[in-house]
Every structure is written in structure tokens, then in C-alpha cells.
Amino acid sequence: MIRIVIAEDQRMMLGALGSLLNLEEDMEVVGMAKNGQEAVDLVRKLTPDICIMDIEMPIKTGLDAAEELQDLDCQIIILTTFARTGYFERARNAGVRGYLLKDNPIEELVRSIHSIIKGGRIYAPELIDLAFDMKQEEKNPLTEREAEVLKLISEGKTTKQIATELFLSPGTVRNYVSTILDKLGVRNRIEAISMFQEKGWFKQ
């Protein structure tokens, strides 16, 4: 029996997916989570064979959860509406064995689960094409230090705190921020963080 945990913040989707998979003779949904942290806790507690996760979930995203669960034998399948190359690259780096889109039929998910259990990897063709097309274009334009500054900003650190942590003056940190915004072509720190997360650059 293939034991499965599902993580999805939309309750109707969560219930429907659980019911459909439980109809399969060789599958059992042993746990359902409404956010990424619950998914991590359930996988560590129940040790399922497969964990199917959405990306955009509260508290902890599906990608954050996948990265946290890399040390376990549970195989992760991302099931999402987002065909974004940054998410896909981050998922692959986290060892995710499947990345599928929600508009695919349930039969395709079932086939993918069987294939992944046997050692395969299943990625939506749209994502493979997108990753190939964007490979040369999607380069992180920031230097290592600039990326470090942006990461600290994303953690809620103030200019003064960043300056102290990196042994820089507040003025130098402000100059870094100005350069970061200019290189990314965004208007403010929030847009910069959002772009960096979407493209999967924080984990590179």
C-alpha cells in the first residue's frame, strides 16, 4: 500500500484529492495538512511514502517544506497552478521527484505516483520547456554580497541591524539596497524580495 500525505490550503481541493486517491486500490491517504508546517510535522510523524504539496501555503510554503524534508525517504510531489521556472529549479534542487500542474487529470497524478515509487521523476512538460527556454536568461544579477543584504532584508532586519551583522556602515548598506533595486528593476524592497523568491535565487 502506498501511504500518502497531502498538503493543500484550499480545503475543498484537499478533500477532493484525498477522496480520489483513496479510491485507488493500492493507495491510502494517511494525513492531510493545511499548510507547509503541518506537512512537515505529519511526514515526520507518519513516515509516508509520498507527500503531495501545493506551493503557495501559509506558515511555510511547499518548497520550504520540501527543503526541510530532504533528509527523509518520503518522495515529494509538488502539485501547483504555478508554472514558474524559479519555483521549478528550487524544487529540483530540493530533490522533489514530481512537479505537476493542477489542471492535469487525476489519472496522470496516479500514474506519476506509481512511477515515482519505482524510482522515476515526473515533471510537467510545460515546466521542462520553460526551464530550457529561460536557462540562459534567468541569471541572478546580484553579487554574493548584494544577495546577502537582500536575504537579511527578507528576514526583517533593519538597515542598522544589517550594517552591524555585515560589519558595514548604514550608508554602505543603503548604497547596496539602491544598487539591488536598480539591478532588479524594481521600485522597493518588497518587490525585490518577491522577485528573488519567485525566481528561486535565494537558495542558489
N, C-alpha and C. Protein backbone atom coordinates (compact mmCIF):
# COMPACT_ATOMS: atom_id res chain seq x y z
N MET A 1 0.83 -1.20 0.00
CA MET A 1 0.00 0.00 0.00
C MET A 1 0.88 1.26 0.00
N ILE A 2 0.60 2.17 -0.90
CA ILE A 2 1.34 3.43 -0.97
C ILE A 2 0.69 4.42 0.00
N ARG A 3 1.43 4.83 1.01
CA ARG A 3 0.91 5.74 2.03
C ARG A 3 1.23 7.19 1.64
N ILE A 4 0.21 8.04 1.70
CA ILE A 4 0.32 9.40 1.15
C ILE A 4 -0.13 10.45 2.16
N VAL A 5 0.63 11.54 2.22
CA VAL A 5 0.21 12.75 2.94
C VAL A 5 -0.03 13.84 1.90
N ILE A 6 -1.11 14.60 2.06
CA ILE A 6 -1.42 15.70 1.13
C ILE A 6 -1.40 17.01 1.90
N ALA A 7 -0.77 18.03 1.32
CA ALA A 7 -0.75 19.37 1.92
C ALA A 7 -1.32 20.37 0.92
N GLU A 8 -2.41 21.00 1.30
CA GLU A 8 -3.11 21.94 0.41
C GLU A 8 -3.95 22.88 1.27
N ASP A 9 -3.80 24.19 1.07
CA ASP A 9 -4.52 25.13 1.94
C ASP A 9 -5.96 25.37 1.50
N GLN A 10 -6.33 24.96 0.30
CA GLN A 10 -7.72 25.06 -0.13
C GLN A 10 -8.45 23.78 0.30
N ARG A 11 -9.33 23.90 1.25
CA ARG A 11 -9.93 22.72 1.89
C ARG A 11 -10.73 21.86 0.92
N MET A 12 -11.43 22.49 -0.02
CA MET A 12 -12.21 21.72 -0.98
C MET A 12 -11.29 20.86 -1.86
N MET A 13 -10.19 21.47 -2.29
CA MET A 13 -9.20 20.76 -3.11
C MET A 13 -8.56 19.64 -2.29
N LEU A 14 -8.26 19.93 -1.04
CA LEU A 14 -7.64 18.94 -0.16
C LEU A 14 -8.55 17.73 0.01
N GLY A 15 -9.83 17.99 0.30
CA GLY A 15 -10.77 16.89 0.49
C GLY A 15 -11.01 16.08 -0.77
N ALA A 16 -11.14 16.78 -1.90
CA ALA A 16 -11.40 16.09 -3.17
C ALA A 16 -10.23 15.21 -3.56
N LEU A 17 -9.02 15.75 -3.42
CA LEU A 17 -7.82 15.00 -3.79
C LEU A 17 -7.67 13.77 -2.90
N GLY A 18 -7.93 13.95 -1.61
CA GLY A 18 -7.84 12.82 -0.69
C GLY A 18 -8.83 11.72 -1.03
N SER A 19 -10.07 12.12 -1.35
CA SER A 19 -11.10 11.15 -1.69
C SER A 19 -10.76 10.38 -2.95
N LEU A 20 -10.27 11.10 -3.98
CA LEU A 20 -9.95 10.45 -5.25
C LEU A 20 -8.79 9.46 -5.11
N LEU A 21 -7.77 9.84 -4.35
CA LEU A 21 -6.62 8.94 -4.18
C LEU A 21 -7.00 7.73 -3.33
N ASN A 22 -7.89 7.92 -2.38
CA ASN A 22 -8.32 6.79 -1.54
C ASN A 22 -9.13 5.76 -2.32
N LEU A 23 -9.63 6.14 -3.49
CA LEU A 23 -10.37 5.20 -4.34
C LEU A 23 -9.43 4.21 -5.02
N GLU A 24 -8.14 4.56 -5.10
CA GLU A 24 -7.17 3.65 -5.72
C GLU A 24 -6.90 2.46 -4.79
N GLU A 25 -6.88 1.27 -5.36
CA GLU A 25 -6.75 0.06 -4.55
C GLU A 25 -5.44 -0.01 -3.78
N ASP A 26 -4.38 0.58 -4.34
CA ASP A 26 -3.07 0.45 -3.70
C ASP A 26 -2.59 1.74 -3.03
N MET A 27 -3.52 2.67 -2.77
CA MET A 27 -3.14 3.94 -2.16
C MET A 27 -3.99 4.24 -0.94
N GLU A 28 -3.36 4.86 0.06
CA GLU A 28 -4.07 5.27 1.27
C GLU A 28 -3.58 6.65 1.70
N VAL A 29 -4.49 7.61 1.82
CA VAL A 29 -4.14 8.94 2.32
C VAL A 29 -4.16 8.87 3.84
N VAL A 30 -2.97 8.96 4.44
CA VAL A 30 -2.84 8.78 5.89
C VAL A 30 -2.84 10.09 6.65
N GLY A 31 -2.70 11.21 5.93
CA GLY A 31 -2.69 12.50 6.60
C GLY A 31 -2.95 13.63 5.63
N MET A 32 -3.61 14.70 6.12
CA MET A 32 -3.88 15.88 5.30
C MET A 32 -3.51 17.14 6.08
N ALA A 33 -2.76 18.02 5.44
CA ALA A 33 -2.26 19.23 6.09
C ALA A 33 -2.76 20.47 5.36
N LYS A 34 -2.97 21.56 6.12
CA LYS A 34 -3.47 22.81 5.53
C LYS A 34 -2.37 23.83 5.31
N ASN A 35 -1.15 23.52 5.72
CA ASN A 35 -0.02 24.42 5.48
C ASN A 35 1.28 23.63 5.49
N GLY A 36 2.35 24.29 5.10
CA GLY A 36 3.62 23.61 4.98
C GLY A 36 4.19 23.08 6.28
N GLN A 37 3.96 23.80 7.37
CA GLN A 37 4.47 23.32 8.66
C GLN A 37 3.75 22.07 9.10
N GLU A 38 2.43 22.03 8.90
CA GLU A 38 1.68 20.82 9.22
C GLU A 38 2.17 19.65 8.37
N ALA A 39 2.50 19.93 7.12
CA ALA A 39 3.00 18.88 6.23
C ALA A 39 4.30 18.29 6.77
N VAL A 40 5.22 19.15 7.17
CA VAL A 40 6.49 18.69 7.73
C VAL A 40 6.25 17.82 8.97
N ASP A 41 5.38 18.30 9.86
CA ASP A 41 5.10 17.57 11.10
C ASP A 41 4.47 16.20 10.81
N LEU A 42 3.51 16.16 9.86
CA LEU A 42 2.84 14.90 9.54
C LEU A 42 3.79 13.90 8.88
N VAL A 43 4.63 14.40 7.97
CA VAL A 43 5.57 13.49 7.29
C VAL A 43 6.55 12.90 8.30
N ARG A 44 7.05 13.72 9.20
CA ARG A 44 8.00 13.20 10.20
C ARG A 44 7.30 12.23 11.16
N LYS A 45 6.04 12.46 11.45
CA LYS A 45 5.31 11.59 12.38
C LYS A 45 4.84 10.30 11.72
N LEU A 46 4.31 10.40 10.49
CA LEU A 46 3.66 9.25 9.85
C LEU A 46 4.56 8.48 8.89
N THR A 47 5.68 9.06 8.51
CA THR A 47 6.63 8.46 7.55
C THR A 47 5.94 7.88 6.32
N PRO A 48 5.21 8.69 5.56
CA PRO A 48 4.54 8.19 4.36
C PRO A 48 5.54 7.93 3.23
N ASP A 49 5.06 7.26 2.19
CA ASP A 49 5.90 7.03 1.01
C ASP A 49 5.95 8.27 0.12
N ILE A 50 4.82 8.98 0.07
CA ILE A 50 4.67 10.12 -0.83
C ILE A 50 4.05 11.29 -0.06
N CYS A 51 4.52 12.50 -0.35
CA CYS A 51 3.86 13.71 0.15
C CYS A 51 3.56 14.60 -1.04
N ILE A 52 2.29 14.91 -1.25
CA ILE A 52 1.86 15.78 -2.35
C ILE A 52 1.62 17.16 -1.77
N MET A 53 2.31 18.18 -2.30
CA MET A 53 2.22 19.51 -1.71
C MET A 53 1.94 20.59 -2.73
N ASP A 54 1.10 21.54 -2.34
CA ASP A 54 0.95 22.79 -3.07
C ASP A 54 2.17 23.65 -2.74
N ILE A 55 2.39 24.72 -3.50
CA ILE A 55 3.49 25.64 -3.20
C ILE A 55 3.02 26.77 -2.29
N GLU A 56 2.02 27.52 -2.74
CA GLU A 56 1.57 28.70 -2.01
C GLU A 56 0.68 28.29 -0.84
N MET A 57 1.31 28.10 0.34
CA MET A 57 0.58 27.76 1.55
C MET A 57 1.04 28.66 2.69
N PRO A 58 0.18 28.89 3.68
CA PRO A 58 0.58 29.74 4.81
C PRO A 58 1.60 29.07 5.72
N ILE A 59 2.21 29.89 6.56
CA ILE A 59 3.20 29.50 7.57
C ILE A 59 4.50 29.01 6.92
N LYS A 60 4.42 28.02 6.08
CA LYS A 60 5.60 27.51 5.38
C LYS A 60 5.15 27.07 3.99
N THR A 61 5.85 27.50 2.94
CA THR A 61 5.45 27.11 1.58
C THR A 61 5.80 25.65 1.32
N GLY A 62 5.24 25.11 0.24
CA GLY A 62 5.56 23.74 -0.14
C GLY A 62 7.04 23.55 -0.44
N LEU A 63 7.66 24.57 -1.02
CA LEU A 63 9.09 24.47 -1.33
C LEU A 63 9.93 24.52 -0.06
N ASP A 64 9.54 25.37 0.90
CA ASP A 64 10.24 25.40 2.18
C ASP A 64 10.14 24.04 2.86
N ALA A 65 8.93 23.47 2.83
CA ALA A 65 8.71 22.16 3.45
C ALA A 65 9.52 21.07 2.76
N ALA A 66 9.56 21.12 1.43
CA ALA A 66 10.32 20.12 0.67
C ALA A 66 11.80 20.17 1.03
N GLU A 67 12.32 21.38 1.17
CA GLU A 67 13.73 21.53 1.53
C GLU A 67 14.00 20.99 2.93
N GLU A 68 13.04 21.17 3.82
CA GLU A 68 13.20 20.70 5.19
C GLU A 68 13.12 19.18 5.30
N LEU A 69 12.44 18.56 4.33
CA LEU A 69 12.22 17.11 4.39
C LEU A 69 13.21 16.31 3.54
N GLN A 70 14.25 16.96 3.05
CA GLN A 70 15.20 16.27 2.16
C GLN A 70 15.88 15.09 2.83
N ASP A 71 15.97 15.12 4.16
CA ASP A 71 16.70 14.05 4.86
C ASP A 71 15.87 12.79 5.05
N LEU A 72 14.60 12.81 4.62
CA LEU A 72 13.72 11.64 4.80
C LEU A 72 13.55 10.86 3.50
N ASP A 73 13.05 9.64 3.61
CA ASP A 73 12.83 8.80 2.43
C ASP A 73 11.55 9.16 1.69
N CYS A 74 10.69 9.94 2.30
CA CYS A 74 9.43 10.32 1.66
C CYS A 74 9.68 11.07 0.35
N GLN A 75 9.01 10.66 -0.72
CA GLN A 75 9.17 11.30 -2.02
C GLN A 75 8.16 12.45 -2.15
N ILE A 76 8.64 13.61 -2.55
CA ILE A 76 7.81 14.80 -2.61
C ILE A 76 7.31 15.03 -4.04
N ILE A 77 6.01 15.31 -4.15
CA ILE A 77 5.41 15.72 -5.42
C ILE A 77 4.81 17.10 -5.22
N ILE A 78 5.25 18.06 -6.00
CA ILE A 78 4.65 19.39 -5.99
C ILE A 78 3.48 19.39 -6.97
N LEU A 79 2.31 19.80 -6.48
CA LEU A 79 1.11 19.89 -7.32
C LEU A 79 0.61 21.32 -7.21
N THR A 80 0.77 22.10 -8.27
CA THR A 80 0.53 23.54 -8.18
C THR A 80 -0.07 24.11 -9.45
N THR A 81 -0.53 25.33 -9.36
CA THR A 81 -1.02 26.06 -10.54
C THR A 81 0.10 26.89 -11.14
N PHE A 82 1.25 26.98 -10.47
CA PHE A 82 2.30 27.90 -10.88
C PHE A 82 3.37 27.24 -11.74
N ALA A 83 3.38 27.55 -13.02
CA ALA A 83 4.42 27.06 -13.93
C ALA A 83 5.51 28.11 -14.01
N ARG A 84 6.28 28.26 -12.94
CA ARG A 84 7.33 29.27 -12.88
C ARG A 84 8.68 28.59 -12.81
N THR A 85 9.58 29.05 -13.66
CA THR A 85 10.88 28.37 -13.74
C THR A 85 11.68 28.48 -12.44
N GLY A 86 11.53 29.61 -11.71
CA GLY A 86 12.24 29.74 -10.44
C GLY A 86 11.78 28.73 -9.41
N TYR A 87 10.47 28.53 -9.33
CA TYR A 87 9.92 27.52 -8.43
C TYR A 87 10.40 26.13 -8.83
N PHE A 88 10.38 25.87 -10.12
CA PHE A 88 10.77 24.55 -10.63
C PHE A 88 12.23 24.25 -10.30
N GLU A 89 13.11 25.21 -10.53
CA GLU A 89 14.52 24.99 -10.25
C GLU A 89 14.75 24.76 -8.75
N ARG A 90 14.05 25.54 -7.94
CA ARG A 90 14.20 25.37 -6.49
C ARG A 90 13.69 24.00 -6.06
N ALA A 91 12.59 23.56 -6.66
CA ALA A 91 12.04 22.24 -6.34
C ALA A 91 13.03 21.14 -6.70
N ARG A 92 13.62 21.23 -7.87
CA ARG A 92 14.60 20.23 -8.30
C ARG A 92 15.80 20.20 -7.36
N ASN A 93 16.24 21.38 -6.94
CA ASN A 93 17.38 21.45 -6.02
C ASN A 93 17.04 20.84 -4.67
N ALA A 94 15.75 20.83 -4.32
CA ALA A 94 15.32 20.25 -3.05
C ALA A 94 15.07 18.75 -3.16
N GLY A 95 15.31 18.19 -4.34
CA GLY A 95 15.16 16.75 -4.51
C GLY A 95 13.73 16.31 -4.77
N VAL A 96 12.86 17.26 -5.14
CA VAL A 96 11.47 16.90 -5.43
C VAL A 96 11.42 15.95 -6.62
N ARG A 97 10.65 14.87 -6.49
CA ARG A 97 10.64 13.83 -7.54
C ARG A 97 9.54 14.04 -8.58
N GLY A 98 8.56 14.90 -8.24
CA GLY A 98 7.49 15.18 -9.19
C GLY A 98 7.06 16.63 -9.09
N TYR A 99 6.77 17.25 -10.22
CA TYR A 99 6.28 18.63 -10.24
C TYR A 99 5.20 18.67 -11.31
N LEU A 100 3.94 18.71 -10.86
CA LEU A 100 2.81 18.61 -11.78
C LEU A 100 1.88 19.80 -11.61
N LEU A 101 1.11 20.08 -12.64
CA LEU A 101 0.17 21.19 -12.61
C LEU A 101 -1.23 20.68 -12.26
N LYS A 102 -1.98 21.51 -11.54
CA LYS A 102 -3.28 21.09 -11.01
C LYS A 102 -4.33 20.85 -12.10
N ASP A 103 -4.13 21.42 -13.27
CA ASP A 103 -5.15 21.24 -14.30
C ASP A 103 -5.03 19.90 -15.03
N ASN A 104 -4.06 19.09 -14.63
CA ASN A 104 -3.93 17.76 -15.22
C ASN A 104 -4.96 16.80 -14.58
N PRO A 105 -5.41 15.77 -15.30
CA PRO A 105 -6.38 14.82 -14.75
C PRO A 105 -5.79 13.99 -13.62
N ILE A 106 -6.68 13.50 -12.74
CA ILE A 106 -6.25 12.71 -11.59
C ILE A 106 -5.50 11.45 -12.04
N GLU A 107 -5.88 10.91 -13.21
CA GLU A 107 -5.20 9.71 -13.71
C GLU A 107 -3.71 9.94 -13.92
N GLU A 108 -3.36 11.16 -14.33
CA GLU A 108 -1.94 11.47 -14.54
C GLU A 108 -1.20 11.52 -13.21
N LEU A 109 -1.85 12.06 -12.18
CA LEU A 109 -1.23 12.08 -10.85
C LEU A 109 -1.02 10.66 -10.34
N VAL A 110 -2.01 9.80 -10.52
CA VAL A 110 -1.89 8.39 -10.09
C VAL A 110 -0.74 7.69 -10.81
N ARG A 111 -0.67 7.89 -12.13
CA ARG A 111 0.45 7.29 -12.89
C ARG A 111 1.79 7.82 -12.40
N SER A 112 1.84 9.10 -12.10
CA SER A 112 3.08 9.71 -11.63
C SER A 112 3.50 9.13 -10.28
N ILE A 113 2.53 8.92 -9.39
CA ILE A 113 2.84 8.34 -8.08
C ILE A 113 3.45 6.95 -8.26
N HIS A 114 2.84 6.13 -9.13
CA HIS A 114 3.38 4.79 -9.37
C HIS A 114 4.79 4.85 -9.93
N SER A 115 5.03 5.78 -10.86
CA SER A 115 6.35 5.90 -11.46
C SER A 115 7.39 6.36 -10.45
N ILE A 116 7.02 7.32 -9.61
CA ILE A 116 7.95 7.86 -8.62
C ILE A 116 8.29 6.81 -7.56
N ILE A 117 7.31 6.01 -7.18
CA ILE A 117 7.55 4.92 -6.21
C ILE A 117 8.58 3.94 -6.77
N LYS A 118 8.59 3.78 -8.08
CA LYS A 118 9.55 2.86 -8.73
C LYS A 118 10.90 3.53 -9.00
N GLY A 119 11.05 4.79 -8.58
CA GLY A 119 12.34 5.46 -8.74
C GLY A 119 12.38 6.52 -9.81
N GLY A 120 11.26 6.76 -10.49
CA GLY A 120 11.25 7.74 -11.56
C GLY A 120 11.11 9.17 -11.08
N ARG A 121 11.24 10.08 -12.03
CA ARG A 121 10.99 11.50 -11.78
C ARG A 121 10.00 11.97 -12.83
N ILE A 122 8.99 12.71 -12.41
CA ILE A 122 7.95 13.18 -13.33
C ILE A 122 7.81 14.69 -13.22
N TYR A 123 8.14 15.38 -14.31
CA TYR A 123 7.99 16.83 -14.35
C TYR A 123 7.07 17.21 -15.50
N ALA A 124 6.17 18.16 -15.25
CA ALA A 124 5.24 18.60 -16.29
C ALA A 124 6.03 19.10 -17.50
N PRO A 125 5.67 18.67 -18.71
CA PRO A 125 6.39 19.10 -19.92
C PRO A 125 6.47 20.62 -20.06
N GLU A 126 5.42 21.31 -19.62
CA GLU A 126 5.42 22.78 -19.70
C GLU A 126 6.58 23.38 -18.90
N LEU A 127 6.90 22.75 -17.77
CA LEU A 127 7.96 23.26 -16.92
C LEU A 127 9.34 22.98 -17.51
N ILE A 128 9.49 21.82 -18.09
CA ILE A 128 10.77 21.48 -18.71
C ILE A 128 11.06 22.44 -19.87
N ASP A 129 10.02 22.70 -20.68
CA ASP A 129 10.18 23.63 -21.80
C ASP A 129 10.51 25.02 -21.30
N LEU A 130 9.80 25.45 -20.25
CA LEU A 130 10.01 26.78 -19.70
C LEU A 130 11.41 26.92 -19.13
N ALA A 131 11.85 25.91 -18.38
CA ALA A 131 13.19 25.95 -17.79
C ALA A 131 14.26 26.00 -18.87
N PHE A 132 14.06 25.25 -19.95
CA PHE A 132 15.03 25.25 -21.05
C PHE A 132 15.09 26.62 -21.72
N ASP A 133 13.91 27.20 -21.97
CA ASP A 133 13.85 28.49 -22.65
C ASP A 133 14.46 29.61 -21.82
N MET A 134 14.30 29.50 -20.48
CA MET A 134 14.73 30.59 -19.61
C MET A 134 16.13 30.40 -19.05
N LYS A 135 16.74 29.27 -19.33
CA LYS A 135 18.01 28.90 -18.68
C LYS A 135 19.08 29.98 -18.84
N GLN A 136 19.22 30.50 -20.05
CA GLN A 136 20.26 31.49 -20.28
C GLN A 136 19.84 32.89 -19.85
N GLU A 137 18.54 33.13 -19.80
CA GLU A 137 18.07 34.47 -19.49
C GLU A 137 17.96 34.73 -17.99
N GLU A 138 17.57 33.72 -17.24
CA GLU A 138 17.29 33.92 -15.84
C GLU A 138 18.55 33.78 -14.99
N LYS A 139 19.42 34.72 -15.09
CA LYS A 139 20.64 34.72 -14.28
C LYS A 139 20.48 35.71 -13.13
N ASN A 140 20.91 35.31 -11.98
CA ASN A 140 20.88 36.21 -10.83
C ASN A 140 21.86 37.36 -11.07
N PRO A 141 21.36 38.61 -11.17
CA PRO A 141 22.23 39.73 -11.48
C PRO A 141 22.99 40.29 -10.29
N LEU A 142 22.67 39.82 -9.08
CA LEU A 142 23.29 40.38 -7.89
C LEU A 142 24.59 39.66 -7.53
N THR A 143 25.50 40.43 -6.93
CA THR A 143 26.72 39.82 -6.41
C THR A 143 26.36 39.05 -5.14
N GLU A 144 27.32 38.27 -4.66
CA GLU A 144 27.08 37.48 -3.45
C GLU A 144 26.74 38.37 -2.26
N ARG A 145 27.44 39.50 -2.13
CA ARG A 145 27.18 40.41 -1.01
C ARG A 145 25.82 41.09 -1.15
N GLU A 146 25.46 41.47 -2.36
CA GLU A 146 24.15 42.09 -2.59
C GLU A 146 23.02 41.12 -2.25
N ALA A 147 23.20 39.87 -2.66
CA ALA A 147 22.20 38.84 -2.36
C ALA A 147 22.11 38.61 -0.84
N GLU A 148 23.25 38.70 -0.17
CA GLU A 148 23.27 38.52 1.28
C GLU A 148 22.50 39.65 1.97
N VAL A 149 22.69 40.87 1.47
CA VAL A 149 21.96 42.02 2.01
C VAL A 149 20.45 41.83 1.82
N LEU A 150 20.06 41.40 0.62
CA LEU A 150 18.64 41.22 0.33
C LEU A 150 18.05 40.10 1.19
N LYS A 151 18.81 39.05 1.42
CA LYS A 151 18.32 37.96 2.27
C LYS A 151 18.05 38.46 3.69
N LEU A 152 18.94 39.31 4.20
CA LEU A 152 18.76 39.85 5.54
C LEU A 152 17.55 40.79 5.58
N ILE A 153 17.34 41.53 4.50
CA ILE A 153 16.15 42.38 4.40
C ILE A 153 14.89 41.51 4.45
N SER A 154 14.93 40.38 3.73
CA SER A 154 13.77 39.48 3.69
C SER A 154 13.47 38.88 5.05
N GLU A 155 14.48 38.84 5.91
CA GLU A 155 14.30 38.31 7.27
C GLU A 155 13.80 39.37 8.23
N GLY A 156 13.56 40.59 7.70
CA GLY A 156 13.02 41.67 8.52
C GLY A 156 14.05 42.52 9.23
N LYS A 157 15.33 42.36 8.87
CA LYS A 157 16.39 43.14 9.50
C LYS A 157 16.35 44.60 9.02
N THR A 158 16.64 45.50 9.94
CA THR A 158 16.71 46.93 9.59
C THR A 158 18.07 47.25 8.99
N THR A 159 18.18 48.44 8.42
CA THR A 159 19.46 48.86 7.84
C THR A 159 20.56 48.81 8.89
N LYS A 160 20.24 49.29 10.09
CA LYS A 160 21.24 49.30 11.17
C LYS A 160 21.65 47.89 11.57
N GLN A 161 20.68 46.98 11.65
CA GLN A 161 20.98 45.59 12.02
C GLN A 161 21.82 44.90 10.96
N ILE A 162 21.51 45.17 9.69
CA ILE A 162 22.29 44.59 8.59
C ILE A 162 23.72 45.11 8.63
N ALA A 163 23.84 46.40 8.86
CA ALA A 163 25.17 47.02 8.93
C ALA A 163 26.01 46.37 10.03
N THR A 164 25.39 46.16 11.19
CA THR A 164 26.09 45.54 12.31
C THR A 164 26.50 44.10 12.00
N GLU A 165 25.58 43.34 11.41
CA GLU A 165 25.84 41.93 11.12
C GLU A 165 26.92 41.75 10.06
N LEU A 166 26.97 42.65 9.07
CA LEU A 166 27.93 42.52 7.97
C LEU A 166 29.17 43.40 8.15
N PHE A 167 29.24 44.08 9.29
CA PHE A 167 30.38 44.95 9.58
C PHE A 167 30.52 46.06 8.52
N LEU A 168 29.38 46.68 8.20
CA LEU A 168 29.35 47.76 7.24
C LEU A 168 28.75 48.99 7.89
N SER A 169 28.89 50.14 7.25
CA SER A 169 28.22 51.34 7.74
C SER A 169 26.79 51.36 7.20
N PRO A 170 25.87 52.00 7.91
CA PRO A 170 24.49 52.11 7.41
C PRO A 170 24.43 52.73 6.01
N GLY A 171 25.32 53.68 5.75
CA GLY A 171 25.34 54.31 4.44
C GLY A 171 25.71 53.33 3.34
N THR A 172 26.64 52.43 3.64
CA THR A 172 27.04 51.42 2.66
C THR A 172 25.89 50.46 2.39
N VAL A 173 25.16 50.09 3.45
CA VAL A 173 24.01 49.20 3.28
C VAL A 173 22.96 49.87 2.40
N ARG A 174 22.71 51.17 2.62
CA ARG A 174 21.74 51.89 1.80
C ARG A 174 22.18 51.93 0.33
N ASN A 175 23.48 52.05 0.12
CA ASN A 175 24.00 52.03 -1.25
C ASN A 175 23.77 50.66 -1.89
N TYR A 176 23.98 49.61 -1.10
CA TYR A 176 23.71 48.26 -1.61
C TYR A 176 22.24 48.10 -1.99
N VAL A 177 21.36 48.60 -1.14
CA VAL A 177 19.92 48.49 -1.41
C VAL A 177 19.56 49.22 -2.70
N SER A 178 20.12 50.40 -2.88
CA SER A 178 19.86 51.17 -4.10
C SER A 178 20.33 50.41 -5.34
N THR A 179 21.51 49.80 -5.23
CA THR A 179 22.05 49.01 -6.35
C THR A 179 21.19 47.79 -6.63
N ILE A 180 20.72 47.13 -5.56
CA ILE A 180 19.87 45.94 -5.71
C ILE A 180 18.59 46.30 -6.47
N LEU A 181 17.94 47.40 -6.06
CA LEU A 181 16.69 47.82 -6.70
C LEU A 181 16.93 48.15 -8.17
N ASP A 182 18.05 48.80 -8.43
CA ASP A 182 18.37 49.19 -9.81
C ASP A 182 18.63 47.95 -10.68
N LYS A 183 19.40 47.00 -10.17
CA LYS A 183 19.73 45.80 -10.94
C LYS A 183 18.50 44.94 -11.22
N LEU A 184 17.60 44.89 -10.26
CA LEU A 184 16.40 44.05 -10.42
C LEU A 184 15.28 44.78 -11.14
N GLY A 185 15.43 46.09 -11.29
CA GLY A 185 14.41 46.87 -11.98
C GLY A 185 13.11 46.96 -11.22
N VAL A 186 13.20 47.05 -9.90
CA VAL A 186 12.01 47.13 -9.06
C VAL A 186 12.00 48.45 -8.30
N ARG A 187 10.84 48.76 -7.69
CA ARG A 187 10.67 50.06 -7.05
C ARG A 187 11.00 50.07 -5.56
N ASN A 188 10.90 48.92 -4.92
CA ASN A 188 11.11 48.90 -3.47
C ASN A 188 11.61 47.54 -3.01
N ARG A 189 11.88 47.46 -1.72
CA ARG A 189 12.45 46.24 -1.14
C ARG A 189 11.48 45.05 -1.24
N ILE A 190 10.20 45.32 -1.04
CA ILE A 190 9.20 44.23 -1.10
C ILE A 190 9.18 43.60 -2.49
N GLU A 191 9.20 44.44 -3.54
CA GLU A 191 9.21 43.91 -4.90
C GLU A 191 10.49 43.13 -5.17
N ALA A 192 11.61 43.61 -4.61
CA ALA A 192 12.89 42.93 -4.80
C ALA A 192 12.85 41.53 -4.17
N ILE A 193 12.33 41.45 -2.94
CA ILE A 193 12.23 40.16 -2.25
C ILE A 193 11.31 39.21 -3.01
N SER A 194 10.17 39.74 -3.46
CA SER A 194 9.21 38.93 -4.21
C SER A 194 9.82 38.36 -5.48
N MET A 195 10.54 39.19 -6.24
CA MET A 195 11.18 38.73 -7.48
C MET A 195 12.22 37.66 -7.17
N PHE A 196 13.04 37.89 -6.15
CA PHE A 196 14.10 36.95 -5.82
C PHE A 196 13.53 35.60 -5.41
N GLN A 197 12.44 35.64 -4.64
CA GLN A 197 11.79 34.39 -4.22
C GLN A 197 11.20 33.66 -5.41
N GLU A 198 10.50 34.39 -6.28
CA GLU A 198 9.82 33.78 -7.43
C GLU A 198 10.82 33.10 -8.35
N LYS A 199 11.99 33.68 -8.53
CA LYS A 199 12.98 33.12 -9.44
C LYS A 199 13.86 32.06 -8.78
N GLY A 200 13.64 31.84 -7.49
CA GLY A 200 14.39 30.79 -6.80
C GLY A 200 15.83 31.13 -6.53
N TRP A 201 16.17 32.42 -6.48
CA TRP A 201 17.57 32.83 -6.34
C TRP A 201 18.07 32.83 -4.89
N PHE A 202 17.17 32.86 -3.91
CA PHE A 202 17.63 32.91 -2.53
C PHE A 202 18.40 31.66 -2.13
N LYS A 203 18.09 30.52 -2.77
CA LYS A 203 18.71 29.26 -2.36
C LYS A 203 19.90 28.88 -3.24
N GLN A 204 20.28 29.72 -4.17
CA GLN A 204 21.39 29.37 -5.05
C GLN A 204 22.71 29.60 -4.35
